[in-house]
Amino acid sequence: MKRALLILFVTLASFAAQAQELEWHTDVAKATALSQKTKKPLLLFFTGSDWCGWWMKVQKEVRNTP
């Protein structure tokens, strides 16, 4: 059991070592061209309104964190 956990931990650590920083683009056409060139998927992030409680929660807990 310990050996299986160790193998799992090493595997997950190797994925974390390969993680890259995200680069946010505001021009959809340029982002689409870059996505097709690099063969990487797009993550479209639509912003919400100041009156939406869920949007403010996302801003506070996700977007504004290091």
PDB file of N, CA and C in Angstrom:
ATOM      1  N   MET A   1       0.826  -1.192   0.000  1.00  0.00           N
ATOM      2  CA  MET A   1       0.000   0.000   0.000  1.00  0.00           C
ATOM      3  C   MET A   1       0.864   1.247   0.000  1.00  0.00           C
ATOM      4  N   LYS A   2       1.912   1.242   0.823  1.00  0.00           N
ATOM      5  CA  LYS A   2       2.800   2.404   0.885  1.00  0.00           C
ATOM      6  C   LYS A   2       3.507   2.611  -0.451  1.00  0.00           C
ATOM      7  N   ARG A   3       3.847   1.518  -1.078  1.00  0.00           N
ATOM      8  CA  ARG A   3       4.544   1.611  -2.369  1.00  0.00           C
ATOM      9  C   ARG A   3       3.625   2.226  -3.430  1.00  0.00           C
ATOM     10  N   ALA A   4       2.360   1.838  -3.416  1.00  0.00           N
ATOM     11  CA  ALA A   4       1.399   2.384  -4.377  1.00  0.00           C
ATOM     12  C   ALA A   4       1.201   3.875  -4.148  1.00  0.00           C
ATOM     13  N   LEU A   5       1.130   4.292  -2.891  1.00  0.00           N
ATOM     14  CA  LEU A   5       0.997   5.717  -2.588  1.00  0.00           C
ATOM     15  C   LEU A   5       2.244   6.492  -3.015  1.00  0.00           C
ATOM     16  N   LEU A   6       3.405   5.908  -2.836  1.00  0.00           N
ATOM     17  CA  LEU A   6       4.640   6.553  -3.247  1.00  0.00           C
ATOM     18  C   LEU A   6       4.692   6.721  -4.762  1.00  0.00           C
ATOM     19  N   ILE A   7       4.297   5.699  -5.486  1.00  0.00           N
ATOM     20  CA  ILE A   7       4.267   5.780  -6.955  1.00  0.00           C
ATOM     21  C   ILE A   7       3.265   6.842  -7.402  1.00  0.00           C
ATOM     22  N   LEU A   8       2.104   6.882  -6.782  1.00  0.00           N
ATOM     23  CA  LEU A   8       1.099   7.889  -7.105  1.00  0.00           C
ATOM     24  C   LEU A   8       1.627   9.296  -6.834  1.00  0.00           C
ATOM     25  N   PHE A   9       2.277   9.480  -5.700  1.00  0.00           N
ATOM     26  CA  PHE A   9       2.825  10.785  -5.346  1.00  0.00           C
ATOM     27  C   PHE A   9       3.894  11.234  -6.343  1.00  0.00           C
ATOM     28  N   VAL A  10       4.789  10.348  -6.723  1.00  0.00           N
ATOM     29  CA  VAL A  10       5.841  10.682  -7.685  1.00  0.00           C
ATOM     30  C   VAL A  10       5.234  11.030  -9.044  1.00  0.00           C
ATOM     31  N   THR A  11       4.217  10.292  -9.446  1.00  0.00           N
ATOM     32  CA  THR A  11       3.550  10.570 -10.719  1.00  0.00           C
ATOM     33  C   THR A  11       2.885  11.941 -10.696  1.00  0.00           C
ATOM     34  N   LEU A  12       2.164  12.238  -9.647  1.00  0.00           N
ATOM     35  CA  LEU A  12       1.511  13.538  -9.539  1.00  0.00           C
ATOM     36  C   LEU A  12       2.528  14.674  -9.445  1.00  0.00           C
ATOM     37  N   ALA A  13       3.621  14.447  -8.769  1.00  0.00           N
ATOM     38  CA  ALA A  13       4.661  15.466  -8.665  1.00  0.00           C
ATOM     39  C   ALA A  13       5.285  15.753 -10.025  1.00  0.00           C
ATOM     40  N   SER A  14       5.424  14.731 -10.857  1.00  0.00           N
ATOM     41  CA  SER A  14       5.995  14.952 -12.186  1.00  0.00           C
ATOM     42  C   SER A  14       5.057  15.783 -13.051  1.00  0.00           C
ATOM     43  N   PHE A  15       3.738  15.591 -12.894  1.00  0.00           N
ATOM     44  CA  PHE A  15       2.787  16.430 -13.622  1.00  0.00           C
ATOM     45  C   PHE A  15       2.863  17.873 -13.144  1.00  0.00           C
ATOM     46  N   ALA A  16       3.013  18.069 -11.854  1.00  0.00           N
ATOM     47  CA  ALA A  16       3.095  19.424 -11.312  1.00  0.00           C
ATOM     48  C   ALA A  16       4.364  20.122 -11.796  1.00  0.00           C
ATOM     49  N   ALA A  17       5.427  19.390 -11.968  1.00  0.00           N
ATOM     50  CA  ALA A  17       6.678  19.982 -12.444  1.00  0.00           C
ATOM     51  C   ALA A  17       6.556  20.452 -13.883  1.00  0.00           C
ATOM     52  N   GLN A  18       5.649  19.843 -14.642  1.00  0.00           N
ATOM     53  CA  GLN A  18       5.467  20.224 -16.036  1.00  0.00           C
ATOM     54  C   GLN A  18       4.418  21.319 -16.210  1.00  0.00           C
ATOM     55  N   ALA A  19       3.776  21.749 -15.128  1.00  0.00           N
ATOM     56  CA  ALA A  19       2.724  22.764 -15.227  1.00  0.00           C
ATOM     57  C   ALA A  19       3.308  24.075 -15.724  1.00  0.00           C
ATOM     58  N   GLN A  20       2.518  24.796 -16.487  1.00  0.00           N
ATOM     59  CA  GLN A  20       2.952  26.060 -17.052  1.00  0.00           C
ATOM     60  C   GLN A  20       2.055  27.175 -16.549  1.00  0.00           C
ATOM     61  N   GLU A  21       2.590  28.383 -16.593  1.00  0.00           N
ATOM     62  CA  GLU A  21       1.804  29.552 -16.240  1.00  0.00           C
ATOM     63  C   GLU A  21       0.778  29.828 -17.324  1.00  0.00           C
ATOM     64  N   LEU A  22      -0.390  30.260 -16.923  1.00  0.00           N
ATOM     65  CA  LEU A  22      -1.413  30.644 -17.882  1.00  0.00           C
ATOM     66  C   LEU A  22      -1.143  32.055 -18.368  1.00  0.00           C
ATOM     67  N   GLU A  23      -1.390  32.279 -19.626  1.00  0.00           N
ATOM     68  CA  GLU A  23      -1.264  33.614 -20.188  1.00  0.00           C
ATOM     69  C   GLU A  23      -2.645  34.013 -20.690  1.00  0.00           C
ATOM     70  N   TRP A  24      -3.206  35.091 -20.127  1.00  0.00           N
ATOM     71  CA  TRP A  24      -4.539  35.529 -20.476  1.00  0.00           C
ATOM     72  C   TRP A  24      -4.479  36.452 -21.684  1.00  0.00           C
ATOM     73  N   HIS A  25      -5.373  36.227 -22.639  1.00  0.00           N
ATOM     74  CA  HIS A  25      -5.477  37.070 -23.831  1.00  0.00           C
ATOM     75  C   HIS A  25      -6.858  37.706 -23.851  1.00  0.00           C
ATOM     76  N   THR A  26      -6.930  38.935 -24.348  1.00  0.00           N
ATOM     77  CA  THR A  26      -8.218  39.615 -24.425  1.00  0.00           C
ATOM     78  C   THR A  26      -8.764  39.652 -25.845  1.00  0.00           C
ATOM     79  N   ASP A  27      -7.953  39.319 -26.833  1.00  0.00           N
ATOM     80  CA  ASP A  27      -8.388  39.296 -28.226  1.00  0.00           C
ATOM     81  C   ASP A  27      -8.693  37.850 -28.619  1.00  0.00           C
ATOM     82  N   VAL A  28      -9.972  37.556 -28.858  1.00  0.00           N
ATOM     83  CA  VAL A  28     -10.396  36.180 -29.143  1.00  0.00           C
ATOM     84  C   VAL A  28      -9.793  35.673 -30.451  1.00  0.00           C
ATOM     85  N   ALA A  29      -9.698  36.528 -31.460  1.00  0.00           N
ATOM     86  CA  ALA A  29      -9.158  36.096 -32.751  1.00  0.00           C
ATOM     87  C   ALA A  29      -7.691  35.677 -32.615  1.00  0.00           C
ATOM     88  N   LYS A  30      -6.907  36.467 -31.894  1.00  0.00           N
ATOM     89  CA  LYS A  30      -5.495  36.124 -31.696  1.00  0.00           C
ATOM     90  C   LYS A  30      -5.349  34.872 -30.836  1.00  0.00           C
ATOM     91  N   ALA A  31      -6.188  34.755 -29.816  1.00  0.00           N
ATOM     92  CA  ALA A  31      -6.134  33.577 -28.948  1.00  0.00           C
ATOM     93  C   ALA A  31      -6.507  32.312 -29.718  1.00  0.00           C
ATOM     94  N   THR A  32      -7.501  32.412 -30.600  1.00  0.00           N
ATOM     95  CA  THR A  32      -7.898  31.271 -31.408  1.00  0.00           C
ATOM     96  C   THR A  32      -6.782  30.852 -32.357  1.00  0.00           C
ATOM     97  N   ALA A  33      -6.136  31.836 -32.977  1.00  0.00           N
ATOM     98  CA  ALA A  33      -5.023  31.535 -33.882  1.00  0.00           C
ATOM     99  C   ALA A  33      -3.875  30.870 -33.120  1.00  0.00           C
ATOM    100  N   LEU A  34      -3.580  31.387 -31.933  1.00  0.00           N
ATOM    101  CA  LEU A  34      -2.518  30.796 -31.111  1.00  0.00           C
ATOM    102  C   LEU A  34      -2.889  29.376 -30.685  1.00  0.00           C
ATOM    103  N   SER A  35      -4.147  29.164 -30.352  1.00  0.00           N
ATOM    104  CA  SER A  35      -4.618  27.842 -29.954  1.00  0.00           C
ATOM    105  C   SER A  35      -4.462  26.831 -31.092  1.00  0.00           C
ATOM    106  N   GLN A  36      -4.816  27.249 -32.288  1.00  0.00           N
ATOM    107  CA  GLN A  36      -4.683  26.359 -33.433  1.00  0.00           C
ATOM    108  C   GLN A  36      -3.218  26.103 -33.764  1.00  0.00           C
ATOM    109  N   LYS A  37      -2.386  27.118 -33.606  1.00  0.00           N
ATOM    110  CA  LYS A  37      -0.957  26.975 -33.901  1.00  0.00           C
ATOM    111  C   LYS A  37      -0.278  26.021 -32.918  1.00  0.00           C
ATOM    112  N   THR A  38      -0.583  26.165 -31.638  1.00  0.00           N
ATOM    113  CA  THR A  38       0.062  25.354 -30.607  1.00  0.00           C
ATOM    114  C   THR A  38      -0.693  24.062 -30.310  1.00  0.00           C
ATOM    115  N   LYS A  39      -1.878  23.912 -30.916  1.00  0.00           N
ATOM    116  CA  LYS A  39      -2.723  22.732 -30.711  1.00  0.00           C
ATOM    117  C   LYS A  39      -3.098  22.542 -29.231  1.00  0.00           C
ATOM    118  N   LYS A  40      -3.385  23.670 -28.574  1.00  0.00           N
ATOM    119  CA  LYS A  40      -3.833  23.653 -27.185  1.00  0.00           C
ATOM    120  C   LYS A  40      -5.257  24.178 -27.127  1.00  0.00           C
ATOM    121  N   PRO A  41      -6.059  23.668 -26.201  1.00  0.00           N
ATOM    122  CA  PRO A  41      -7.452  24.123 -26.118  1.00  0.00           C
ATOM    123  C   PRO A  41      -7.553  25.537 -25.535  1.00  0.00           C
ATOM    124  N   LEU A  42      -8.679  26.168 -25.798  1.00  0.00           N
ATOM    125  CA  LEU A  42      -8.963  27.491 -25.252  1.00  0.00           C
ATOM    126  C   LEU A  42      -9.775  27.357 -23.974  1.00  0.00           C
ATOM    127  N   LEU A  43      -9.535  28.266 -23.051  1.00  0.00           N
ATOM    128  CA  LEU A  43     -10.373  28.410 -21.873  1.00  0.00           C
ATOM    129  C   LEU A  43     -10.960  29.808 -21.960  1.00  0.00           C
ATOM    130  N   LEU A  44     -12.245  29.891 -22.249  1.00  0.00           N
ATOM    131  CA  LEU A  44     -12.906  31.185 -22.352  1.00  0.00           C
ATOM    132  C   LEU A  44     -13.476  31.540 -20.987  1.00  0.00           C
ATOM    133  N   PHE A  45     -13.130  32.725 -20.534  1.00  0.00           N
ATOM    134  CA  PHE A  45     -13.556  33.180 -19.210  1.00  0.00           C
ATOM    135  C   PHE A  45     -14.399  34.433 -19.398  1.00  0.00           C
ATOM    136  N   PHE A  46     -15.690  34.305 -19.175  1.00  0.00           N
ATOM    137  CA  PHE A  46     -16.604  35.424 -19.334  1.00  0.00           C
ATOM    138  C   PHE A  46     -16.803  36.096 -17.980  1.00  0.00           C
ATOM    139  N   THR A  47     -16.638  37.397 -17.967  1.00  0.00           N
ATOM    140  CA  THR A  47     -16.783  38.116 -16.703  1.00  0.00           C
ATOM    141  C   THR A  47     -18.240  38.419 -16.425  1.00  0.00           C
ATOM    142  N   GLY A  48     -18.539  38.584 -15.160  1.00  0.00           N
ATOM    143  CA  GLY A  48     -19.913  38.818 -14.740  1.00  0.00           C
ATOM    144  C   GLY A  48     -20.152  40.247 -14.305  1.00  0.00           C
ATOM    145  N   SER A  49     -21.227  40.437 -13.602  1.00  0.00           N
ATOM    146  CA  SER A  49     -21.658  41.765 -13.177  1.00  0.00           C
ATOM    147  C   SER A  49     -21.344  41.988 -11.713  1.00  0.00           C
ATOM    148  N   ASP A  50     -21.333  43.261 -11.324  1.00  0.00           N
ATOM    149  CA  ASP A  50     -21.063  43.614  -9.933  1.00  0.00           C
ATOM    150  C   ASP A  50     -22.228  43.260  -9.016  1.00  0.00           C
ATOM    151  N   TRP A  51     -23.414  43.070  -9.560  1.00  0.00           N
ATOM    152  CA  TRP A  51     -24.565  42.760  -8.732  1.00  0.00           C
ATOM    153  C   TRP A  51     -24.711  41.265  -8.464  1.00  0.00           C
ATOM    154  N   CYS A  52     -23.974  40.424  -9.187  1.00  0.00           N
ATOM    155  CA  CYS A  52     -24.109  38.970  -9.070  1.00  0.00           C
ATOM    156  C   CYS A  52     -23.244  38.449  -7.917  1.00  0.00           C
ATOM    157  N   GLY A  53     -23.893  37.870  -6.926  1.00  0.00           N
ATOM    158  CA  GLY A  53     -23.175  37.367  -5.757  1.00  0.00           C
ATOM    159  C   GLY A  53     -22.197  36.255  -6.089  1.00  0.00           C
ATOM    160  N   TRP A  54     -22.583  35.351  -6.994  1.00  0.00           N
ATOM    161  CA  TRP A  54     -21.681  34.258  -7.378  1.00  0.00           C
ATOM    162  C   TRP A  54     -20.467  34.789  -8.117  1.00  0.00           C
ATOM    163  N   TRP A  55     -20.667  35.809  -8.964  1.00  0.00           N
ATOM    164  CA  TRP A  55     -19.536  36.398  -9.687  1.00  0.00           C
ATOM    165  C   TRP A  55     -18.560  37.042  -8.705  1.00  0.00           C
ATOM    166  N   MET A  56     -19.066  37.765  -7.723  1.00  0.00           N
ATOM    167  CA  MET A  56     -18.185  38.395  -6.733  1.00  0.00           C
ATOM    168  C   MET A  56     -17.418  37.325  -5.951  1.00  0.00           C
ATOM    169  N   LYS A  57     -18.064  36.192  -5.691  1.00  0.00           N
ATOM    170  CA  LYS A  57     -17.390  35.090  -4.982  1.00  0.00           C
ATOM    171  C   LYS A  57     -16.246  34.521  -5.829  1.00  0.00           C
ATOM    172  N   VAL A  58     -16.485  34.341  -7.143  1.00  0.00           N
ATOM    173  CA  VAL A  58     -15.433  33.854  -8.039  1.00  0.00           C
ATOM    174  C   VAL A  58     -14.275  34.843  -8.085  1.00  0.00           C
ATOM    175  N   GLN A  59     -14.588  36.130  -8.208  1.00  0.00           N
ATOM    176  CA  GLN A  59     -13.542  37.152  -8.242  1.00  0.00           C
ATOM    177  C   GLN A  59     -12.704  37.112  -6.974  1.00  0.00           C
ATOM    178  N   LYS A  60     -13.363  37.015  -5.838  1.00  0.00           N
ATOM    179  CA  LYS A  60     -12.681  37.053  -4.554  1.00  0.00           C
ATOM    180  C   LYS A  60     -11.841  35.800  -4.305  1.00  0.00           C
ATOM    181  N   GLU A  61     -12.390  34.616  -4.629  1.00  0.00           N
ATOM    182  CA  GLU A  61     -11.741  33.364  -4.260  1.00  0.00           C
ATOM    183  C   GLU A  61     -10.879  32.747  -5.347  1.00  0.00           C
ATOM    184  N   VAL A  62     -11.062  33.157  -6.598  1.00  0.00           N
ATOM    185  CA  VAL A  62     -10.332  32.514  -7.684  1.00  0.00           C
ATOM    186  C   VAL A  62      -9.446  33.506  -8.426  1.00  0.00           C
ATOM    187  N   ARG A  63     -10.051  34.527  -8.983  1.00  0.00           N
ATOM    188  CA  ARG A  63      -9.305  35.440  -9.864  1.00  0.00           C
ATOM    189  C   ARG A  63      -8.299  36.301  -9.110  1.00  0.00           C
ATOM    190  N   ASN A  64      -8.598  36.742  -7.919  1.00  0.00           N
ATOM    191  CA  ASN A  64      -7.733  37.670  -7.203  1.00  0.00           C
ATOM    192  C   ASN A  64      -6.786  36.972  -6.227  1.00  0.00           C
ATOM    193  N   THR A  65      -6.425  35.745  -6.512  1.00  0.00           N
ATOM    194  CA  THR A  65      -5.481  35.030  -5.666  1.00  0.00           C
ATOM    195  C   THR A  65      -4.215  34.750  -6.457  1.00  0.00           C
ATOM    196  N   PRO A  66      -3.078  34.659  -5.778  1.00  0.00           N
ATOM    197  CA  PRO A  66      -1.801  34.410  -6.496  1.00  0.00           C
ATOM    198  C   PRO A  66      -1.771  33.043  -7.179  1.00  0.00           C
TER     199      PRO A  66
END
